[in-house]
Each structure stands twice: as structure tokens, then as C-alpha cells.
């Protein structure tokens, strides 16, 4: 029973420490904490990673962007086609998503944010990209999103 209580406290503390720094195109930034992220709508997501089925409750990245004051891509054209969203991890790992691939009328790629809690190797935040053939852009220990114009 004592171990269960300690594990529960560790889970709460790890979730409470989850923060996501989101930088907008103009350079301004906002930090979304675990409490704010917990209010966003979740959905069941199924995917494959390393030959194993993965099923998680996750937030669509578009909802995370809205929460950070960034309007997700929708029917973009012109200069917006060159924008890139860079997802960064605490260990320096990063993955890029073109703004066009996230536009449901162009690439339609769905990316999801998962709050893992105490899983030190994966969380407390990570990205899951079910349509990717390999989980190379499943960024573990996610701590930032930056919208940039290269």
C-alpha cells in the first residue's frame, strides 16, 4: 500500500512538472503547463511502433496550437507553405513537420500530444504520429514547439 501511495505521488508530481513552451511565428512564446494541457479534449489513438500496437489517450496537436494562440493550418497557400513546426525534446532531439503536411486540406497528417506522467524515458510529454511508417518523429520528453519560417 505504501508503494502505491509513493507511486501515486510520483505520478502527480511528474504530471505537474509537465510544461510545453510554444513559440509563435513572431517570436513571442507561451508556456502551457500540465493543468492547462489536461483541459484539452482527448481521443483514443492507435498506432504501431517497433512492431507493437500502441493505444493512448491523446490531444490533437491542432488543439495544443490553438491553446497556445496559434491558428492551426487550414487551406494554406503562398508564404504559409514554407512554414515548419519544430518539436524539441529535453535531450536536444528535434523533429520537423511542414505546416502544409499538418493542413487537413493538403497533407492531413495528424500528430498527437500524450501526457505520460512518470515515464522518465518517454515523458512527461511526447508526440505520437500514427501515420509515420517509423516512430522517428515520436518525440519523447517533448518540451517545445517552434513555428518557424526558414
C-alpha atoms as a PDB file:
ATOM      1  CA  UNK A   1       0.000   0.000   0.000  1.00  0.00           C
ATOM      2  CA  UNK A   2       2.837   2.367   0.875  1.00  0.00           C
ATOM      3  CA  UNK A   3       4.477   1.766  -2.522  1.00  0.00           C
ATOM      4  CA  UNK A   4       1.194   2.501  -4.267  1.00  0.00           C
ATOM      5  CA  UNK A   5       0.906   5.793  -2.392  1.00  0.00           C
ATOM      6  CA  UNK A   6       4.502   6.757  -3.269  1.00  0.00           C
ATOM      7  CA  UNK A   7       3.924   5.844  -6.925  1.00  0.00           C
ATOM      8  CA  UNK A   8       0.739   7.941  -6.938  1.00  0.00           C
ATOM      9  CA  UNK A   9       2.593  10.937  -5.507  1.00  0.00           C
ATOM     10  CA  UNK A  10       5.385  10.478  -8.097  1.00  0.00           C
ATOM     11  CA  UNK A  11       2.794  10.342 -10.883  1.00  0.00           C
ATOM     12  CA  UNK A  12       1.156  13.539  -9.646  1.00  0.00           C
ATOM     13  CA  UNK A  13       4.490  15.361  -9.315  1.00  0.00           C
ATOM     14  CA  UNK A  14       5.731  14.286 -12.759  1.00  0.00           C
ATOM     15  CA  UNK A  15       2.468  15.334 -14.385  1.00  0.00           C
ATOM     16  CA  UNK A  16       2.538  18.644 -12.528  1.00  0.00           C
ATOM     17  CA  UNK A  17       6.034  19.377 -13.871  1.00  0.00           C
ATOM     18  CA  UNK A  18       4.993  18.893 -17.497  1.00  0.00           C
ATOM     19  CA  UNK A  19       5.455  22.135 -19.383  1.00  0.00           C
ATOM     20  CA  UNK A  20       5.375  22.824 -23.087  1.00  0.00           C
ATOM     21  CA  UNK A  21       6.979  26.017 -24.405  1.00  0.00           C
ATOM     22  CA  UNK A  22       5.366  27.128 -27.659  1.00  0.00           C
ATOM     23  CA  UNK A  23       6.987  29.812 -29.800  1.00  0.00           C
ATOM     24  CA  UNK A  24       4.839  31.625 -32.333  1.00  0.00           C
ATOM     25  CA  UNK A  25       5.999  32.806 -35.749  1.00  0.00           C
ATOM     26  CA  UNK A  26       6.501  36.372 -34.456  1.00  0.00           C
ATOM     27  CA  UNK A  27       8.909  35.094 -31.781  1.00  0.00           C
ATOM     28  CA  UNK A  28       6.521  35.530 -28.863  1.00  0.00           C
ATOM     29  CA  UNK A  29       6.044  32.464 -26.706  1.00  0.00           C
ATOM     30  CA  UNK A  30       3.658  30.897 -24.241  1.00  0.00           C
ATOM     31  CA  UNK A  31       4.123  28.059 -21.770  1.00  0.00           C
ATOM     32  CA  UNK A  32       1.349  25.512 -21.358  1.00  0.00           C
ATOM     33  CA  UNK A  33       1.509  23.661 -18.049  1.00  0.00           C
ATOM     34  CA  UNK A  34       0.127  20.226 -17.185  1.00  0.00           C
ATOM     35  CA  UNK A  35      -3.079  21.677 -15.765  1.00  0.00           C
ATOM     36  CA  UNK A  36      -3.798  23.611 -18.967  1.00  0.00           C
ATOM     37  CA  UNK A  37      -2.917  20.632 -21.179  1.00  0.00           C
ATOM     38  CA  UNK A  38      -5.218  18.425 -19.094  1.00  0.00           C
ATOM     39  CA  UNK A  39      -8.218  20.597 -20.052  1.00  0.00           C
ATOM     40  CA  UNK A  40      -7.779  19.954 -23.781  1.00  0.00           C
ATOM     41  CA  UNK A  41     -10.029  17.368 -25.479  1.00  0.00           C
ATOM     42  CA  UNK A  42      -8.607  13.857 -25.755  1.00  0.00           C
ATOM     43  CA  UNK A  43      -9.269  10.998 -28.112  1.00  0.00           C
ATOM     44  CA  UNK A  44      -8.223   7.371 -28.339  1.00  0.00           C
ATOM     45  CA  UNK A  45      -5.267   6.975 -30.703  1.00  0.00           C
ATOM     46  CA  UNK A  46      -3.997   3.671 -32.070  1.00  0.00           C
ATOM     47  CA  UNK A  47      -0.657   3.263 -33.801  1.00  0.00           C
ATOM     48  CA  UNK A  48       2.238   0.869 -34.379  1.00  0.00           C
ATOM     49  CA  UNK A  49       5.765   1.402 -33.044  1.00  0.00           C
ATOM     50  CA  UNK A  50       8.598  -1.087 -33.297  1.00  0.00           C
ATOM     51  CA  UNK A  51       6.162  -3.858 -34.232  1.00  0.00           C
ATOM     52  CA  UNK A  52       3.921  -3.287 -31.220  1.00  0.00           C
ATOM     53  CA  UNK A  53       0.440  -1.848 -31.015  1.00  0.00           C
ATOM     54  CA  UNK A  54       0.211   1.418 -29.109  1.00  0.00           C
ATOM     55  CA  UNK A  55      -3.053   2.775 -27.745  1.00  0.00           C
ATOM     56  CA  UNK A  56      -3.118   6.084 -25.889  1.00  0.00           C
ATOM     57  CA  UNK A  57      -5.445   8.894 -24.912  1.00  0.00           C
ATOM     58  CA  UNK A  58      -4.014  11.959 -26.625  1.00  0.00           C
ATOM     59  CA  UNK A  59      -4.658  15.558 -27.637  1.00  0.00           C
ATOM     60  CA  UNK A  60      -4.665  16.516 -31.306  1.00  0.00           C
ATOM     61  CA  UNK A  61      -1.736  18.859 -31.930  1.00  0.00           C
ATOM     62  CA  UNK A  62      -4.131  21.346 -33.543  1.00  0.00           C
ATOM     63  CA  UNK A  63      -5.812  21.795 -30.142  1.00  0.00           C
ATOM     64  CA  UNK A  64      -2.438  22.380 -28.495  1.00  0.00           C
ATOM     65  CA  UNK A  65      -1.609  25.030 -31.098  1.00  0.00           C
ATOM     66  CA  UNK A  66      -4.959  26.770 -30.522  1.00  0.00           C
ATOM     67  CA  UNK A  67      -4.333  26.749 -26.771  1.00  0.00           C
ATOM     68  CA  UNK A  68      -1.019  28.493 -27.452  1.00  0.00           C
ATOM     69  CA  UNK A  69      -2.657  31.171 -29.607  1.00  0.00           C
ATOM     70  CA  UNK A  70      -1.593  29.725 -32.966  1.00  0.00           C
ATOM     71  CA  UNK A  71      -4.288  29.079 -35.528  1.00  0.00           C
ATOM     72  CA  UNK A  72      -3.593  25.626 -36.990  1.00  0.00           C
ATOM     73  CA  UNK A  73      -3.041  25.385 -40.739  1.00  0.00           C
ATOM     74  CA  UNK A  74      -6.244  25.295 -42.773  1.00  0.00           C
ATOM     75  CA  UNK A  75      -6.323  25.772 -46.543  1.00  0.00           C
ATOM     76  CA  UNK A  76      -2.926  27.469 -46.535  1.00  0.00           C
ATOM     77  CA  UNK A  77      -1.206  28.826 -49.628  1.00  0.00           C
ATOM     78  CA  UNK A  78       1.573  31.202 -50.609  1.00  0.00           C
ATOM     79  CA  UNK A  79       4.192  32.005 -47.970  1.00  0.00           C
ATOM     80  CA  UNK A  80       2.498  29.790 -45.361  1.00  0.00           C
ATOM     81  CA  UNK A  81       3.545  26.742 -47.404  1.00  0.00           C
ATOM     82  CA  UNK A  82       7.153  27.238 -46.285  1.00  0.00           C
ATOM     83  CA  UNK A  83       6.431  27.245 -42.535  1.00  0.00           C
ATOM     84  CA  UNK A  84       7.798  24.469 -40.342  1.00  0.00           C
ATOM     85  CA  UNK A  85       6.825  23.329 -36.856  1.00  0.00           C
ATOM     86  CA  UNK A  86       9.846  22.065 -34.919  1.00  0.00           C
ATOM     87  CA  UNK A  87       9.224  19.797 -31.938  1.00  0.00           C
ATOM     88  CA  UNK A  88      12.106  19.781 -29.442  1.00  0.00           C
ATOM     89  CA  UNK A  89      12.971  17.419 -26.601  1.00  0.00           C
ATOM     90  CA  UNK A  90      14.834  17.985 -23.338  1.00  0.00           C
ATOM     91  CA  UNK A  91      17.767  15.900 -24.619  1.00  0.00           C
ATOM     92  CA  UNK A  92      18.193  18.032 -27.761  1.00  0.00           C
ATOM     93  CA  UNK A  93      16.330  15.690 -30.121  1.00  0.00           C
ATOM     94  CA  UNK A  94      14.112  17.505 -32.618  1.00  0.00           C
ATOM     95  CA  UNK A  95      11.720  16.643 -35.409  1.00  0.00           C
ATOM     96  CA  UNK A  96      10.156  18.893 -38.034  1.00  0.00           C
ATOM     97  CA  UNK A  97       6.678  18.948 -39.527  1.00  0.00           C
ATOM     98  CA  UNK A  98       5.903  21.060 -42.552  1.00  0.00           C
ATOM     99  CA  UNK A  99       2.938  23.354 -41.988  1.00  0.00           C
ATOM    100  CA  UNK A 100       1.462  22.026 -45.245  1.00  0.00           C
ATOM    101  CA  UNK A 101       1.508  18.403 -44.066  1.00  0.00           C
ATOM    102  CA  UNK A 102      -0.472  19.436 -40.964  1.00  0.00           C
ATOM    103  CA  UNK A 103      -3.118  21.191 -43.091  1.00  0.00           C
ATOM    104  CA  UNK A 104      -6.086  18.807 -43.371  1.00  0.00           C
ATOM    105  CA  UNK A 105      -6.745  20.006 -46.932  1.00  0.00           C
ATOM    106  CA  UNK A 106      -3.163  19.233 -48.056  1.00  0.00           C
ATOM    107  CA  UNK A 107      -1.174  16.621 -46.153  1.00  0.00           C
ATOM    108  CA  UNK A 108      -3.751  15.861 -43.499  1.00  0.00           C
ATOM    109  CA  UNK A 109      -1.092  14.452 -41.143  1.00  0.00           C
ATOM    110  CA  UNK A 110      -2.386  14.003 -37.602  1.00  0.00           C
ATOM    111  CA  UNK A 111       0.006  14.467 -34.719  1.00  0.00           C
ATOM    112  CA  UNK A 112      -0.927  13.882 -31.092  1.00  0.00           C
ATOM    113  CA  UNK A 113       0.374  15.017 -27.711  1.00  0.00           C
ATOM    114  CA  UNK A 114       0.447  12.394 -24.954  1.00  0.00           C
ATOM    115  CA  UNK A 115       0.855  13.167 -21.256  1.00  0.00           C
ATOM    116  CA  UNK A 116       2.736  10.146 -19.891  1.00  0.00           C
ATOM    117  CA  UNK A 117       3.201  11.057 -16.265  1.00  0.00           C
ATOM    118  CA  UNK A 118       6.161   9.384 -14.561  1.00  0.00           C
ATOM    119  CA  UNK A 119       7.685   7.552 -17.544  1.00  0.00           C
ATOM    120  CA  UNK A 120      11.101   9.207 -17.430  1.00  0.00           C
ATOM    121  CA  UNK A 121      12.197   7.691 -20.740  1.00  0.00           C
ATOM    122  CA  UNK A 122       9.137   8.903 -22.665  1.00  0.00           C
ATOM    123  CA  UNK A 123       7.500  11.736 -20.810  1.00  0.00           C
ATOM    124  CA  UNK A 124       6.063  13.566 -19.197  1.00  0.00           C
ATOM    125  CA  UNK A 125       5.071  14.771 -22.701  1.00  0.00           C
ATOM    126  CA  UNK A 126       5.586  13.101 -26.065  1.00  0.00           C
ATOM    127  CA  UNK A 127       4.344  13.228 -29.619  1.00  0.00           C
ATOM    128  CA  UNK A 128       2.752  10.294 -31.437  1.00  0.00           C
ATOM    129  CA  UNK A 129       2.434  10.345 -35.237  1.00  0.00           C
ATOM    130  CA  UNK A 130       0.336   7.298 -36.181  1.00  0.00           C
ATOM    131  CA  UNK A 131       0.695   7.670 -39.967  1.00  0.00           C
ATOM    132  CA  UNK A 132       4.515   7.696 -39.936  1.00  0.00           C
ATOM    133  CA  UNK A 133       5.927   4.341 -41.064  1.00  0.00           C
ATOM    134  CA  UNK A 134       8.610   4.570 -38.342  1.00  0.00           C
ATOM    135  CA  UNK A 135       8.281   6.361 -34.997  1.00  0.00           C
ATOM    136  CA  UNK A 136      11.287   8.642 -35.674  1.00  0.00           C
ATOM    137  CA  UNK A 137       9.169  11.781 -35.128  1.00  0.00           C
ATOM    138  CA  UNK A 138       7.559  10.439 -31.964  1.00  0.00           C
ATOM    139  CA  UNK A 139       9.425  12.974 -29.857  1.00  0.00           C
ATOM    140  CA  UNK A 140       9.897  11.767 -26.281  1.00  0.00           C
ATOM    141  CA  UNK A 141      10.464  14.207 -23.418  1.00  0.00           C
ATOM    142  CA  UNK A 142       8.860  16.934 -25.533  1.00  0.00           C
ATOM    143  CA  UNK A 143       9.431  20.386 -24.116  1.00  0.00           C
ATOM    144  CA  UNK A 144       8.990  22.834 -27.019  1.00  0.00           C
ATOM    145  CA  UNK A 145       7.208  23.594 -30.257  1.00  0.00           C
ATOM    146  CA  UNK A 146       8.513  26.367 -32.515  1.00  0.00           C
ATOM    147  CA  UNK A 147       6.796  27.670 -35.630  1.00  0.00           C
ATOM    148  CA  UNK A 148       9.491  28.952 -37.971  1.00  0.00           C
ATOM    149  CA  UNK A 149       9.849  30.335 -41.498  1.00  0.00           C
ATOM    150  CA  UNK A 150      13.144  29.002 -42.891  1.00  0.00           C
END
